[in-house]
Amino acid sequence: MLMILLAATVAGFSAIPTVVGTGTTPPPPATRVAENPDTVVCRVVPAPTGQILGSRRECRTTREWVAIHHDAARQIDDAQQTADQLGNN
């Protein structure tokens, strides 16, 4: 159950981003490293699980998207470590 919840959380952050005003998708991650961290990037956030309607467009700076991604990865790592510790007792 926990893994399904974590997978749904990660899936919510995997939307395809677009740079505001260009209407095109950004270059692959390898070339985005040098991107200005204050550039505004918009992504379509999917509807909450179990709902058909409700997706929305969310715009944040590249720096904020990276922070959100790292926070989600840290939460997943913490949950997996907790599950491992509970399983080893």
Protein backbone atom coordinates (compact mmCIF):
# COMPACT_ATOMS: atom_id res chain seq x y z
CA MET A 1 0.00 0.00 0.00
CA LEU A 2 2.81 2.37 0.94
CA MET A 3 4.59 1.69 -2.35
CA ILE A 4 1.44 2.53 -4.33
CA LEU A 5 1.12 5.83 -2.48
CA LEU A 6 4.77 6.64 -3.10
CA ALA A 7 4.50 5.74 -6.78
CA ALA A 8 1.48 8.02 -7.14
CA THR A 9 3.40 10.84 -5.46
CA VAL A 10 6.36 10.43 -7.79
CA ALA A 11 4.07 10.21 -10.82
CA GLY A 12 2.62 13.59 -9.89
CA PHE A 13 6.06 15.16 -10.35
CA SER A 14 6.80 13.57 -13.69
CA ALA A 15 4.64 15.89 -15.80
CA ILE A 16 6.27 17.27 -18.94
CA PRO A 17 7.40 20.84 -18.29
CA THR A 18 7.19 23.73 -20.74
CA VAL A 19 8.96 27.04 -20.57
CA VAL A 20 6.53 29.95 -20.31
CA GLY A 21 6.02 31.75 -23.58
CA THR A 22 7.72 29.26 -25.89
CA GLY A 23 5.10 26.52 -26.17
CA THR A 24 7.85 23.92 -26.61
CA THR A 25 9.20 21.30 -24.27
CA PRO A 26 12.56 22.05 -22.70
CA PRO A 27 15.75 20.25 -23.71
CA PRO A 28 16.68 16.94 -22.05
CA PRO A 29 17.84 17.13 -18.41
CA ALA A 30 21.53 16.83 -19.32
CA THR A 31 21.43 20.19 -21.13
CA ARG A 32 19.16 21.86 -18.55
CA VAL A 33 21.91 21.86 -15.91
CA ALA A 34 23.21 25.24 -17.10
CA GLU A 35 19.68 26.67 -17.23
CA ASN A 36 19.00 29.81 -15.21
CA PRO A 37 17.53 28.66 -11.87
CA ASP A 38 15.14 31.62 -11.89
CA THR A 39 13.52 30.70 -15.22
CA VAL A 40 9.79 30.08 -14.81
CA VAL A 41 8.71 26.61 -15.96
CA CYS A 42 5.06 25.51 -16.14
CA ARG A 43 3.90 21.92 -15.78
CA VAL A 44 0.48 20.31 -15.98
CA VAL A 45 -0.21 18.75 -12.59
CA PRO A 46 -2.52 15.74 -12.89
CA ALA A 47 -5.83 15.47 -11.09
CA PRO A 48 -5.75 13.88 -7.62
CA THR A 49 -6.03 10.10 -7.59
CA GLY A 50 -9.61 8.97 -8.12
CA GLN A 51 -10.74 12.15 -9.87
CA ILE A 52 -11.16 12.70 -13.59
CA LEU A 53 -11.25 16.47 -13.51
CA GLY A 54 -8.89 18.70 -11.63
CA SER A 55 -5.60 18.80 -13.51
CA ARG A 56 -4.10 22.25 -13.49
CA ARG A 57 -1.13 24.18 -14.77
CA GLU A 58 1.43 25.06 -12.10
CA CYS A 59 4.26 27.53 -12.74
CA ARG A 60 7.39 27.71 -10.59
CA THR A 61 11.03 28.59 -11.02
CA THR A 62 13.49 25.87 -11.98
CA ARG A 63 15.01 26.20 -8.51
CA GLU A 64 11.60 25.48 -6.90
CA TRP A 65 10.93 22.46 -9.15
CA VAL A 66 14.35 21.03 -8.25
CA ALA A 67 13.65 21.56 -4.54
CA ILE A 68 10.26 19.81 -4.87
CA HIS A 69 11.88 16.90 -6.71
CA HIS A 70 14.60 16.52 -4.07
CA ASP A 71 12.05 16.72 -1.25
CA ALA A 72 9.92 13.99 -2.86
CA ALA A 73 13.00 11.79 -3.36
CA ARG A 74 14.02 12.32 0.28
CA GLN A 75 10.50 11.37 1.47
CA ILE A 76 10.61 8.19 -0.61
CA ASP A 77 14.05 7.28 0.77
CA ASP A 78 12.85 7.90 4.34
CA ALA A 79 9.74 5.77 3.80
CA GLN A 80 11.78 2.93 2.31
CA GLN A 81 14.27 3.03 5.18
CA THR A 82 11.42 2.98 7.70
CA ALA A 83 9.83 0.02 5.92
CA ASP A 84 13.16 -1.81 5.89
CA GLN A 85 13.65 -1.18 9.61
CA LEU A 86 10.15 -2.44 10.41
CA GLY A 87 10.71 -5.52 8.26
CA ASN A 88 13.97 -6.38 10.00
CA ASN A 89 12.49 -6.36 13.51
